[in-house]
């Protein structure tokens, strides 16, 4: 079908552009990069039949070579519709598939790298949202669990809430200082940095 040919073309182009971007960064002494979640378009969609894991394996390996050979730190951050602690079963299911895509992409590159998400929804109260996160964390594939990090947000889940998640799941915490400036309990940045470093 035409749509799958187009997706193959886009995925190929995205990976080639990613490789060139990383090479440019190295030439300009930039060794940290967030890889776009859209690198493989619609990768986690239930109707996706394009076997990107096999067909893109060679290009993914080439990108991974650039990352490893130059010690580039990479991360990924799924979009706002990835809500692991949603009250809706279909959202949880699609979120798990999206996280699986991110982890598989990094695995196929053969690189280290984190997949960072927010704790998510606060429907039913923050405590209930935290409990749902814990429950659904147990449903994740091991390669997702090993890469997942929790990031504080600007409205609901503070650094201390992410630290609670870490204490119960082992999920490291990544600190967003701008979010912390908007959503905190009066802790100074230096104080929370010390706690986050432990994770």
N, C-alpha and C. Protein backbone atom coordinates (compact mmCIF):
# COMPACT_ATOMS: atom_id res chain seq x y z
N UNK A 1 0.83 -1.20 0.00
CA UNK A 1 0.00 0.00 0.00
C UNK A 1 0.87 1.25 0.00
N UNK A 2 0.35 2.31 -0.60
CA UNK A 2 1.09 3.55 -0.72
C UNK A 2 1.48 4.13 0.63
N UNK A 3 0.57 4.03 1.61
CA UNK A 3 0.86 4.63 2.92
C UNK A 3 2.07 3.99 3.58
N UNK A 4 2.24 2.67 3.41
CA UNK A 4 3.38 2.01 4.04
C UNK A 4 4.68 2.36 3.33
N UNK A 5 4.62 2.54 2.01
CA UNK A 5 5.81 3.00 1.29
C UNK A 5 6.22 4.39 1.77
N UNK A 6 5.21 5.24 2.00
CA UNK A 6 5.49 6.59 2.47
C UNK A 6 6.08 6.57 3.88
N UNK A 7 5.55 5.72 4.75
CA UNK A 7 6.09 5.60 6.10
C UNK A 7 7.53 5.10 6.07
N UNK A 8 7.80 4.15 5.18
CA UNK A 8 9.17 3.63 5.03
C UNK A 8 10.11 4.75 4.57
N UNK A 9 9.64 5.55 3.62
CA UNK A 9 10.45 6.67 3.12
C UNK A 9 10.71 7.69 4.23
N UNK A 10 9.66 8.02 5.00
CA UNK A 10 9.82 8.99 6.08
C UNK A 10 10.76 8.48 7.16
N UNK A 11 10.60 7.21 7.53
CA UNK A 11 11.47 6.64 8.57
C UNK A 11 12.92 6.64 8.11
N UNK A 12 13.15 6.27 6.86
CA UNK A 12 14.51 6.27 6.32
C UNK A 12 15.09 7.68 6.33
N UNK A 13 14.31 8.63 5.85
CA UNK A 13 14.76 10.02 5.82
C UNK A 13 15.05 10.54 7.22
N UNK A 14 14.17 10.22 8.17
CA UNK A 14 14.35 10.69 9.55
C UNK A 14 15.65 10.16 10.15
N UNK A 15 15.92 8.88 9.92
CA UNK A 15 17.14 8.28 10.49
C UNK A 15 18.40 8.83 9.81
N UNK A 16 18.33 9.05 8.51
CA UNK A 16 19.48 9.65 7.82
C UNK A 16 19.73 11.07 8.32
N UNK A 17 18.65 11.82 8.52
CA UNK A 17 18.78 13.19 9.06
C UNK A 17 19.31 13.17 10.49
N UNK A 18 18.83 12.21 11.28
CA UNK A 18 19.31 12.09 12.66
C UNK A 18 20.80 11.82 12.68
N UNK A 19 21.25 10.93 11.82
CA UNK A 19 22.68 10.62 11.76
C UNK A 19 23.49 11.85 11.39
N UNK A 20 23.04 12.60 10.38
CA UNK A 20 23.76 13.81 9.97
C UNK A 20 23.75 14.87 11.08
N UNK A 21 22.62 14.99 11.77
CA UNK A 21 22.52 15.96 12.86
C UNK A 21 23.51 15.62 13.98
N UNK A 22 23.57 14.36 14.34
CA UNK A 22 24.50 13.94 15.39
C UNK A 22 25.95 14.18 14.97
N UNK A 23 26.26 13.91 13.71
CA UNK A 23 27.62 14.15 13.21
C UNK A 23 27.95 15.64 13.25
N UNK A 24 26.98 16.48 12.88
CA UNK A 24 27.19 17.93 12.95
C UNK A 24 27.42 18.35 14.40
N UNK A 25 26.62 17.80 15.30
CA UNK A 25 26.78 18.13 16.72
C UNK A 25 28.18 17.79 17.22
N UNK A 26 28.67 16.63 16.84
CA UNK A 26 30.01 16.22 17.27
C UNK A 26 31.06 17.21 16.78
N UNK A 27 30.92 17.64 15.53
CA UNK A 27 31.86 18.62 14.97
C UNK A 27 31.83 19.94 15.73
N UNK A 28 30.71 20.21 16.40
CA UNK A 28 30.55 21.47 17.14
C UNK A 28 30.52 21.25 18.65
N UNK A 29 31.10 20.11 19.08
CA UNK A 29 31.27 19.81 20.51
C UNK A 29 29.95 19.78 21.28
N UNK A 30 28.93 19.22 20.66
CA UNK A 30 27.64 19.03 21.33
C UNK A 30 27.45 17.53 21.52
N UNK A 31 27.38 17.10 22.77
CA UNK A 31 27.36 15.67 23.05
C UNK A 31 26.16 15.24 23.88
N UNK A 32 25.08 15.99 23.74
CA UNK A 32 23.82 15.62 24.40
C UNK A 32 22.70 15.86 23.40
N UNK A 33 21.78 14.91 23.28
CA UNK A 33 20.74 15.06 22.26
C UNK A 33 19.48 14.30 22.66
N UNK A 34 18.33 14.95 22.46
CA UNK A 34 17.05 14.27 22.66
C UNK A 34 16.53 13.80 21.30
N UNK A 35 16.36 12.51 21.16
CA UNK A 35 15.88 11.93 19.91
C UNK A 35 14.37 12.09 19.82
N UNK A 36 13.89 12.52 18.67
CA UNK A 36 12.46 12.75 18.49
C UNK A 36 11.65 11.47 18.61
N UNK A 37 10.50 11.58 19.25
CA UNK A 37 9.58 10.45 19.34
C UNK A 37 8.98 10.10 17.97
N UNK A 38 9.06 11.02 17.03
CA UNK A 38 8.49 10.80 15.70
C UNK A 38 9.49 10.24 14.70
N UNK A 39 10.60 9.72 15.20
CA UNK A 39 11.62 9.18 14.30
C UNK A 39 11.04 8.12 13.37
N UNK A 40 10.26 7.21 13.94
CA UNK A 40 9.52 6.23 13.13
C UNK A 40 8.04 6.60 13.25
N UNK A 41 7.46 7.26 12.25
CA UNK A 41 6.07 7.73 12.37
C UNK A 41 5.08 6.59 12.63
N UNK A 42 4.17 6.82 13.57
CA UNK A 42 3.10 5.87 13.89
C UNK A 42 3.62 4.50 14.31
N UNK A 43 4.82 4.45 14.86
CA UNK A 43 5.44 3.16 15.17
C UNK A 43 4.62 2.31 16.12
N UNK A 44 3.92 2.94 17.07
CA UNK A 44 3.17 2.16 18.06
C UNK A 44 1.69 2.03 17.74
N UNK A 45 1.29 2.54 16.57
CA UNK A 45 -0.14 2.48 16.20
C UNK A 45 -0.56 1.03 15.99
N UNK A 46 -1.74 0.65 16.49
CA UNK A 46 -2.17 -0.75 16.39
C UNK A 46 -2.31 -1.26 14.96
N UNK A 47 -2.51 -0.36 13.99
CA UNK A 47 -2.65 -0.80 12.60
C UNK A 47 -1.34 -0.75 11.82
N UNK A 48 -0.26 -0.45 12.51
CA UNK A 48 1.05 -0.37 11.86
C UNK A 48 1.50 -1.78 11.45
N UNK A 49 1.68 -2.00 10.16
CA UNK A 49 2.15 -3.30 9.68
C UNK A 49 3.55 -3.23 9.09
N UNK A 50 4.08 -2.04 8.92
CA UNK A 50 5.45 -1.86 8.43
C UNK A 50 6.40 -2.34 9.53
N UNK A 51 7.17 -3.37 9.25
CA UNK A 51 8.06 -3.96 10.25
C UNK A 51 9.34 -3.13 10.36
N UNK A 52 9.22 -1.98 11.00
CA UNK A 52 10.34 -1.05 11.07
C UNK A 52 11.52 -1.63 11.85
N UNK A 53 11.25 -2.50 12.81
CA UNK A 53 12.34 -3.06 13.61
C UNK A 53 13.32 -3.84 12.74
N UNK A 54 12.80 -4.54 11.75
CA UNK A 54 13.67 -5.30 10.85
C UNK A 54 14.19 -4.44 9.70
N UNK A 55 13.29 -3.69 9.07
CA UNK A 55 13.67 -2.95 7.87
C UNK A 55 14.60 -1.78 8.17
N UNK A 56 14.52 -1.21 9.36
CA UNK A 56 15.35 -0.07 9.72
C UNK A 56 16.56 -0.47 10.57
N UNK A 57 16.74 -1.77 10.78
CA UNK A 57 17.79 -2.25 11.67
C UNK A 57 19.18 -1.73 11.27
N UNK A 58 19.48 -1.76 9.96
CA UNK A 58 20.79 -1.30 9.50
C UNK A 58 21.03 0.17 9.79
N UNK A 59 20.06 1.01 9.44
CA UNK A 59 20.20 2.45 9.67
C UNK A 59 20.24 2.77 11.16
N UNK A 60 19.43 2.07 11.94
CA UNK A 60 19.45 2.27 13.39
C UNK A 60 20.83 1.94 13.95
N UNK A 61 21.44 0.90 13.42
CA UNK A 61 22.79 0.54 13.85
C UNK A 61 23.81 1.62 13.51
N UNK A 62 23.66 2.23 12.33
CA UNK A 62 24.58 3.30 11.93
C UNK A 62 24.45 4.52 12.86
N UNK A 63 23.21 4.85 13.20
CA UNK A 63 22.99 5.96 14.14
C UNK A 63 23.61 5.62 15.49
N UNK A 64 23.40 4.38 15.92
CA UNK A 64 23.97 3.95 17.19
C UNK A 64 25.49 4.01 17.20
N UNK A 65 26.12 3.70 16.07
CA UNK A 65 27.58 3.78 15.98
C UNK A 65 28.07 5.19 16.26
N UNK A 66 27.39 6.18 15.67
CA UNK A 66 27.79 7.58 15.88
C UNK A 66 27.65 7.95 17.35
N UNK A 67 26.56 7.51 17.96
CA UNK A 67 26.31 7.83 19.37
C UNK A 67 27.38 7.21 20.27
N UNK A 68 27.64 5.92 20.07
CA UNK A 68 28.60 5.22 20.93
C UNK A 68 30.03 5.71 20.72
N UNK A 69 30.42 5.86 19.46
CA UNK A 69 31.81 6.23 19.16
C UNK A 69 32.16 7.62 19.67
N UNK A 70 31.14 8.46 19.87
CA UNK A 70 31.39 9.82 20.32
C UNK A 70 30.85 10.10 21.73
N UNK A 71 30.44 9.02 22.41
CA UNK A 71 29.95 9.14 23.79
C UNK A 71 28.88 10.22 23.93
N UNK A 72 27.92 10.20 23.01
CA UNK A 72 26.82 11.16 23.06
C UNK A 72 25.77 10.66 24.04
N UNK A 73 25.31 11.52 24.91
CA UNK A 73 24.23 11.18 25.83
C UNK A 73 22.90 11.45 25.13
N UNK A 74 22.07 10.43 25.03
CA UNK A 74 20.78 10.60 24.35
C UNK A 74 19.63 10.27 25.29
N UNK A 75 18.49 10.87 25.00
CA UNK A 75 17.27 10.59 25.75
C UNK A 75 16.09 10.71 24.81
N UNK A 76 14.94 10.24 25.27
CA UNK A 76 13.69 10.40 24.53
C UNK A 76 12.60 10.78 25.51
N UNK A 77 11.58 11.49 25.01
CA UNK A 77 10.49 11.95 25.87
C UNK A 77 9.18 11.80 25.11
N UNK A 78 8.45 10.70 25.34
CA UNK A 78 7.16 10.52 24.66
C UNK A 78 6.23 11.71 24.90
N UNK A 79 5.29 11.89 24.00
CA UNK A 79 4.41 13.05 24.05
C UNK A 79 3.35 13.00 25.14
N UNK A 80 2.50 14.01 25.13
CA UNK A 80 1.54 14.23 26.20
C UNK A 80 0.45 13.16 26.28
N UNK A 81 0.29 12.38 25.22
CA UNK A 81 -0.76 11.35 25.25
C UNK A 81 -0.26 10.02 25.82
N UNK A 82 0.99 9.98 26.21
CA UNK A 82 1.52 8.80 26.89
C UNK A 82 1.30 8.99 28.38
N UNK A 83 0.23 8.39 28.88
CA UNK A 83 -0.18 8.59 30.28
C UNK A 83 -0.30 7.21 30.93
N UNK A 84 0.77 6.78 31.54
CA UNK A 84 0.82 5.43 32.10
C UNK A 84 -0.19 5.22 33.22
N UNK A 85 -0.54 6.29 33.93
CA UNK A 85 -1.45 6.13 35.07
C UNK A 85 -2.88 6.58 34.75
N UNK A 86 -3.23 6.58 33.48
CA UNK A 86 -4.59 6.96 33.10
C UNK A 86 -5.62 6.02 33.72
N UNK A 87 -6.83 6.55 33.94
CA UNK A 87 -7.93 5.72 34.41
C UNK A 87 -8.54 4.91 33.28
N UNK A 88 -8.20 5.26 32.05
CA UNK A 88 -8.78 4.58 30.88
C UNK A 88 -7.85 3.46 30.41
N UNK A 89 -8.38 2.26 30.36
CA UNK A 89 -7.58 1.09 30.00
C UNK A 89 -6.94 1.21 28.63
N UNK A 90 -7.69 1.78 27.66
CA UNK A 90 -7.16 1.88 26.31
C UNK A 90 -5.98 2.86 26.24
N UNK A 91 -6.01 3.89 27.09
CA UNK A 91 -4.90 4.84 27.13
C UNK A 91 -3.66 4.19 27.75
N UNK A 92 -3.87 3.41 28.79
CA UNK A 92 -2.75 2.70 29.41
C UNK A 92 -2.13 1.74 28.40
N UNK A 93 -2.97 1.01 27.67
CA UNK A 93 -2.47 0.05 26.68
C UNK A 93 -1.66 0.75 25.60
N UNK A 94 -2.19 1.86 25.07
CA UNK A 94 -1.46 2.57 24.01
C UNK A 94 -0.19 3.22 24.56
N UNK A 95 -0.22 3.63 25.83
CA UNK A 95 0.97 4.22 26.45
C UNK A 95 2.08 3.19 26.59
N UNK A 96 1.70 1.97 26.97
CA UNK A 96 2.69 0.90 27.10
C UNK A 96 3.32 0.60 25.74
N UNK A 97 2.50 0.58 24.69
CA UNK A 97 3.03 0.31 23.35
C UNK A 97 3.95 1.44 22.89
N UNK A 98 3.60 2.67 23.23
CA UNK A 98 4.45 3.81 22.86
C UNK A 98 5.79 3.74 23.60
N UNK A 99 5.75 3.38 24.87
CA UNK A 99 6.98 3.25 25.63
C UNK A 99 7.83 2.09 25.11
N UNK A 100 7.17 1.02 24.69
CA UNK A 100 7.89 -0.12 24.11
C UNK A 100 8.62 0.31 22.83
N UNK A 101 7.95 1.11 22.01
CA UNK A 101 8.59 1.62 20.79
C UNK A 101 9.85 2.40 21.12
N UNK A 102 9.76 3.30 22.10
CA UNK A 102 10.92 4.12 22.46
C UNK A 102 12.09 3.25 22.93
N UNK A 103 11.78 2.30 23.81
CA UNK A 103 12.84 1.44 24.34
C UNK A 103 13.44 0.56 23.23
N UNK A 104 12.59 0.03 22.37
CA UNK A 104 13.07 -0.81 21.27
C UNK A 104 13.96 -0.01 20.31
N UNK A 105 13.59 1.24 20.05
CA UNK A 105 14.38 2.08 19.16
C UNK A 105 15.80 2.22 19.70
N UNK A 106 15.91 2.52 20.99
CA UNK A 106 17.23 2.67 21.61
C UNK A 106 17.97 1.34 21.67
N UNK A 107 17.23 0.27 21.93
CA UNK A 107 17.86 -1.06 21.94
C UNK A 107 18.47 -1.40 20.59
N UNK A 108 17.72 -1.12 19.52
CA UNK A 108 18.20 -1.45 18.18
C UNK A 108 19.38 -0.57 17.76
N UNK A 109 19.48 0.60 18.36
CA UNK A 109 20.66 1.44 18.14
C UNK A 109 21.85 0.90 18.93
N UNK A 110 21.55 0.12 19.95
CA UNK A 110 22.62 -0.43 20.79
C UNK A 110 23.25 0.62 21.69
N UNK A 111 22.41 1.55 22.19
CA UNK A 111 22.95 2.64 22.99
C UNK A 111 22.27 2.72 24.35
N UNK A 112 22.95 3.36 25.28
CA UNK A 112 22.31 3.70 26.54
C UNK A 112 21.45 4.93 26.29
N UNK A 113 20.48 5.14 27.15
CA UNK A 113 19.62 6.30 26.98
C UNK A 113 18.34 6.13 27.78
N UNK A 114 17.84 7.24 28.28
CA UNK A 114 16.63 7.22 29.10
C UNK A 114 15.39 7.57 28.30
N UNK A 115 14.27 7.04 28.77
CA UNK A 115 12.95 7.43 28.25
C UNK A 115 12.23 8.09 29.42
N UNK A 116 12.04 9.40 29.33
CA UNK A 116 11.48 10.11 30.47
C UNK A 116 10.01 10.45 30.26
N UNK A 117 9.24 10.24 31.32
CA UNK A 117 7.82 10.55 31.29
C UNK A 117 7.43 11.25 32.58
N UNK A 118 6.27 11.89 32.55
CA UNK A 118 5.70 12.45 33.77
C UNK A 118 4.86 11.38 34.44
N UNK A 119 4.65 11.53 35.74
CA UNK A 119 3.82 10.55 36.45
C UNK A 119 2.45 10.50 35.81
N UNK A 120 1.92 11.66 35.40
CA UNK A 120 0.72 11.67 34.57
C UNK A 120 -0.52 12.27 35.19
N UNK A 121 -1.61 11.56 35.03
CA UNK A 121 -2.93 12.06 35.42
C UNK A 121 -3.08 12.14 36.94
N UNK A 122 -3.87 13.13 37.39
CA UNK A 122 -4.18 13.24 38.82
C UNK A 122 -5.67 13.03 39.07
N UNK A 123 -6.36 12.45 38.09
CA UNK A 123 -7.79 12.18 38.29
C UNK A 123 -7.98 11.24 39.46
N UNK A 124 -8.94 11.57 40.31
CA UNK A 124 -9.15 10.77 41.51
C UNK A 124 -8.19 11.13 42.62
N UNK A 125 -7.43 12.21 42.42
CA UNK A 125 -6.47 12.64 43.43
C UNK A 125 -5.06 12.18 43.12
N UNK A 126 -4.10 12.94 43.60
CA UNK A 126 -2.70 12.64 43.31
C UNK A 126 -2.27 11.29 43.89
N UNK A 127 -2.77 10.96 45.06
CA UNK A 127 -2.41 9.68 45.67
C UNK A 127 -2.89 8.52 44.81
N UNK A 128 -4.13 8.63 44.31
CA UNK A 128 -4.66 7.59 43.44
C UNK A 128 -3.88 7.49 42.14
N UNK A 129 -3.48 8.64 41.61
CA UNK A 129 -2.69 8.66 40.38
C UNK A 129 -1.35 7.99 40.57
N UNK A 130 -0.73 8.23 41.73
CA UNK A 130 0.55 7.60 42.03
C UNK A 130 0.40 6.09 42.13
N UNK A 131 -0.67 5.64 42.78
CA UNK A 131 -0.90 4.20 42.92
C UNK A 131 -1.11 3.55 41.55
N UNK A 132 -1.85 4.22 40.67
CA UNK A 132 -2.06 3.65 39.32
C UNK A 132 -0.75 3.56 38.56
N UNK A 133 0.12 4.55 38.76
CA UNK A 133 1.43 4.50 38.11
C UNK A 133 2.19 3.26 38.57
N UNK A 134 2.18 3.01 39.88
CA UNK A 134 2.88 1.84 40.42
C UNK A 134 2.32 0.54 39.82
N UNK A 135 1.00 0.45 39.79
CA UNK A 135 0.35 -0.76 39.28
C UNK A 135 0.70 -0.99 37.81
N UNK A 136 0.63 0.06 37.02
CA UNK A 136 0.85 -0.10 35.58
C UNK A 136 2.33 -0.22 35.24
N UNK A 137 3.19 0.28 36.11
CA UNK A 137 4.63 0.10 35.92
C UNK A 137 4.95 -1.39 35.87
N UNK A 138 4.25 -2.18 36.66
CA UNK A 138 4.51 -3.62 36.71
C UNK A 138 4.16 -4.32 35.40
N UNK A 139 3.36 -3.66 34.54
CA UNK A 139 2.96 -4.24 33.26
C UNK A 139 3.98 -3.99 32.15
N UNK A 140 4.95 -3.15 32.42
CA UNK A 140 5.90 -2.75 31.38
C UNK A 140 6.91 -3.86 31.08
N UNK A 141 7.33 -3.97 29.81
CA UNK A 141 8.42 -4.89 29.47
C UNK A 141 9.70 -4.47 30.21
N UNK A 142 10.58 -5.41 30.44
CA UNK A 142 11.79 -5.13 31.20
C UNK A 142 12.67 -4.08 30.52
N UNK A 143 12.71 -4.08 29.17
CA UNK A 143 13.57 -3.10 28.52
C UNK A 143 13.04 -1.68 28.66
N UNK A 144 11.73 -1.55 28.92
CA UNK A 144 11.16 -0.23 29.20
C UNK A 144 11.48 0.16 30.64
N UNK A 145 11.24 -0.75 31.57
CA UNK A 145 11.52 -0.46 32.98
C UNK A 145 12.95 0.01 33.19
N UNK A 146 13.88 -0.62 32.49
CA UNK A 146 15.30 -0.31 32.70
C UNK A 146 15.70 1.05 32.15
N UNK A 147 14.87 1.62 31.27
CA UNK A 147 15.20 2.93 30.67
C UNK A 147 14.34 4.07 31.22
N UNK A 148 13.26 3.75 31.90
CA UNK A 148 12.30 4.77 32.30
C UNK A 148 12.84 5.67 33.41
N UNK A 149 12.60 6.97 33.28
CA UNK A 149 12.87 7.93 34.34
C UNK A 149 11.65 8.82 34.50
N UNK A 150 11.41 9.27 35.73
CA UNK A 150 10.23 10.09 36.03
C UNK A 150 10.64 11.56 36.17
N UNK A 151 9.91 12.43 35.50
CA UNK A 151 10.20 13.86 35.52
C UNK A 151 9.08 14.62 36.24
N UNK A 152 9.47 15.54 37.10
CA UNK A 152 8.48 16.40 37.76
C UNK A 152 7.79 17.29 36.73
N UNK A 153 6.53 17.65 37.01
CA UNK A 153 5.82 18.52 36.07
C UNK A 153 5.53 19.88 36.71
N UNK A 154 4.89 20.75 35.94
CA UNK A 154 4.71 22.13 36.39
C UNK A 154 3.40 22.39 37.11
N UNK A 155 2.56 21.33 37.27
CA UNK A 155 1.24 21.57 37.87
C UNK A 155 0.90 20.63 39.03
N UNK A 156 1.24 19.35 38.90
CA UNK A 156 0.73 18.37 39.86
C UNK A 156 1.84 17.63 40.60
N UNK A 157 2.62 16.84 39.88
CA UNK A 157 3.59 15.96 40.52
C UNK A 157 4.93 16.67 40.70
N UNK A 158 5.26 16.92 41.95
CA UNK A 158 6.48 17.64 42.30
C UNK A 158 7.66 16.66 42.36
N UNK A 159 8.83 17.21 42.61
CA UNK A 159 10.02 16.36 42.73
C UNK A 159 9.82 15.32 43.82
N UNK A 160 9.25 15.71 44.95
CA UNK A 160 9.07 14.77 46.05
C UNK A 160 8.15 13.62 45.66
N UNK A 161 7.18 13.88 44.77
CA UNK A 161 6.28 12.82 44.31
C UNK A 161 7.04 11.84 43.41
N UNK A 162 7.91 12.37 42.58
CA UNK A 162 8.73 11.51 41.72
C UNK A 162 9.70 10.68 42.56
N UNK A 163 10.18 11.27 43.65
CA UNK A 163 11.07 10.53 44.55
C UNK A 163 10.33 9.39 45.23
N UNK A 164 9.05 9.59 45.49
CA UNK A 164 8.24 8.50 46.05
C UNK A 164 8.13 7.36 45.04
N UNK A 165 7.92 7.71 43.77
CA UNK A 165 7.86 6.70 42.71
C UNK A 165 9.18 5.94 42.65
N UNK A 166 10.29 6.67 42.72
CA UNK A 166 11.61 6.02 42.71
C UNK A 166 11.76 5.06 43.88
N UNK A 167 11.32 5.48 45.05
CA UNK A 167 11.45 4.64 46.23
C UNK A 167 10.69 3.34 46.12
N UNK A 168 9.62 3.33 45.34
CA UNK A 168 8.78 2.14 45.25
C UNK A 168 8.99 1.32 43.97
N UNK A 169 9.58 1.93 42.95
CA UNK A 169 9.77 1.20 41.68
C UNK A 169 11.23 1.14 41.25
N UNK A 170 12.06 2.00 41.82
CA UNK A 170 13.45 2.08 41.37
C UNK A 170 13.62 2.93 40.13
N UNK A 171 12.54 3.62 39.71
CA UNK A 171 12.61 4.49 38.54
C UNK A 171 13.34 5.78 38.89
N UNK A 172 14.51 6.04 38.29
CA UNK A 172 15.25 7.26 38.61
C UNK A 172 14.44 8.52 38.30
N UNK A 173 14.86 9.61 38.91
CA UNK A 173 14.17 10.89 38.74
C UNK A 173 15.04 11.83 37.92
N UNK A 174 14.42 12.52 36.97
CA UNK A 174 15.11 13.58 36.24
C UNK A 174 14.44 14.90 36.65
N UNK A 175 15.25 15.87 36.98
CA UNK A 175 14.74 17.15 37.50
C UNK A 175 14.61 18.17 36.38
N UNK A 176 13.41 18.70 36.22
CA UNK A 176 13.18 19.84 35.34
C UNK A 176 13.16 21.08 36.22
N UNK A 177 14.21 21.89 36.13
CA UNK A 177 14.32 23.03 37.04
C UNK A 177 13.24 24.08 36.80
N UNK A 178 12.78 24.23 35.56
CA UNK A 178 11.72 25.20 35.28
C UNK A 178 10.40 24.73 35.88
N UNK A 179 10.11 23.44 35.75
CA UNK A 179 8.90 22.91 36.37
C UNK A 179 8.99 23.05 37.89
N UNK A 180 10.17 22.81 38.43
CA UNK A 180 10.33 22.92 39.89
C UNK A 180 10.09 24.35 40.36
N UNK A 181 10.50 25.32 39.55
CA UNK A 181 10.30 26.72 39.95
C UNK A 181 8.82 27.08 40.02
N UNK A 182 7.99 26.33 39.28
CA UNK A 182 6.55 26.59 39.25
C UNK A 182 5.76 25.70 40.21
N UNK A 183 6.33 24.56 40.57
CA UNK A 183 5.58 23.57 41.34
C UNK A 183 6.49 22.96 42.39
N UNK A 184 6.46 23.53 43.60
CA UNK A 184 7.35 23.07 44.66
C UNK A 184 6.74 23.36 46.02
N UNK A 185 7.39 22.89 47.06
CA UNK A 185 6.95 23.15 48.43
C UNK A 185 7.93 24.08 49.15
N UNK A 186 8.58 24.91 48.37
CA UNK A 186 9.51 25.87 48.96
C UNK A 186 10.94 25.38 49.03
N UNK A 187 11.21 24.15 48.52
CA UNK A 187 12.58 23.64 48.57
C UNK A 187 13.47 24.41 47.59
N UNK A 188 14.68 24.67 48.00
CA UNK A 188 15.63 25.30 47.10
C UNK A 188 16.11 24.27 46.09
N UNK A 189 16.48 24.75 44.90
CA UNK A 189 16.92 23.86 43.84
C UNK A 189 18.10 22.99 44.29
N UNK A 190 19.01 23.59 45.03
CA UNK A 190 20.19 22.84 45.49
C UNK A 190 19.79 21.66 46.38
N UNK A 191 18.73 21.84 47.16
CA UNK A 191 18.28 20.79 48.07
C UNK A 191 17.73 19.59 47.29
N UNK A 192 16.86 19.88 46.31
CA UNK A 192 16.26 18.77 45.57
C UNK A 192 17.27 18.10 44.65
N UNK A 193 18.25 18.86 44.18
CA UNK A 193 19.29 18.27 43.34
C UNK A 193 20.04 17.17 44.08
N UNK A 194 20.31 17.40 45.36
CA UNK A 194 21.01 16.40 46.15
C UNK A 194 20.20 15.11 46.24
N UNK A 195 18.89 15.26 46.42
CA UNK A 195 18.03 14.07 46.53
C UNK A 195 17.91 13.35 45.20
N UNK A 196 17.79 14.12 44.12
CA UNK A 196 17.63 13.51 42.80
C UNK A 196 18.89 12.77 42.39
N UNK A 197 20.04 13.30 42.73
CA UNK A 197 21.31 12.66 42.35
C UNK A 197 21.42 11.25 42.90
N UNK A 198 20.81 11.00 44.05
CA UNK A 198 20.88 9.68 44.67
C UNK A 198 20.21 8.62 43.80
N UNK A 199 19.22 9.05 43.02
CA UNK A 199 18.47 8.08 42.22
C UNK A 199 19.26 7.64 41.01
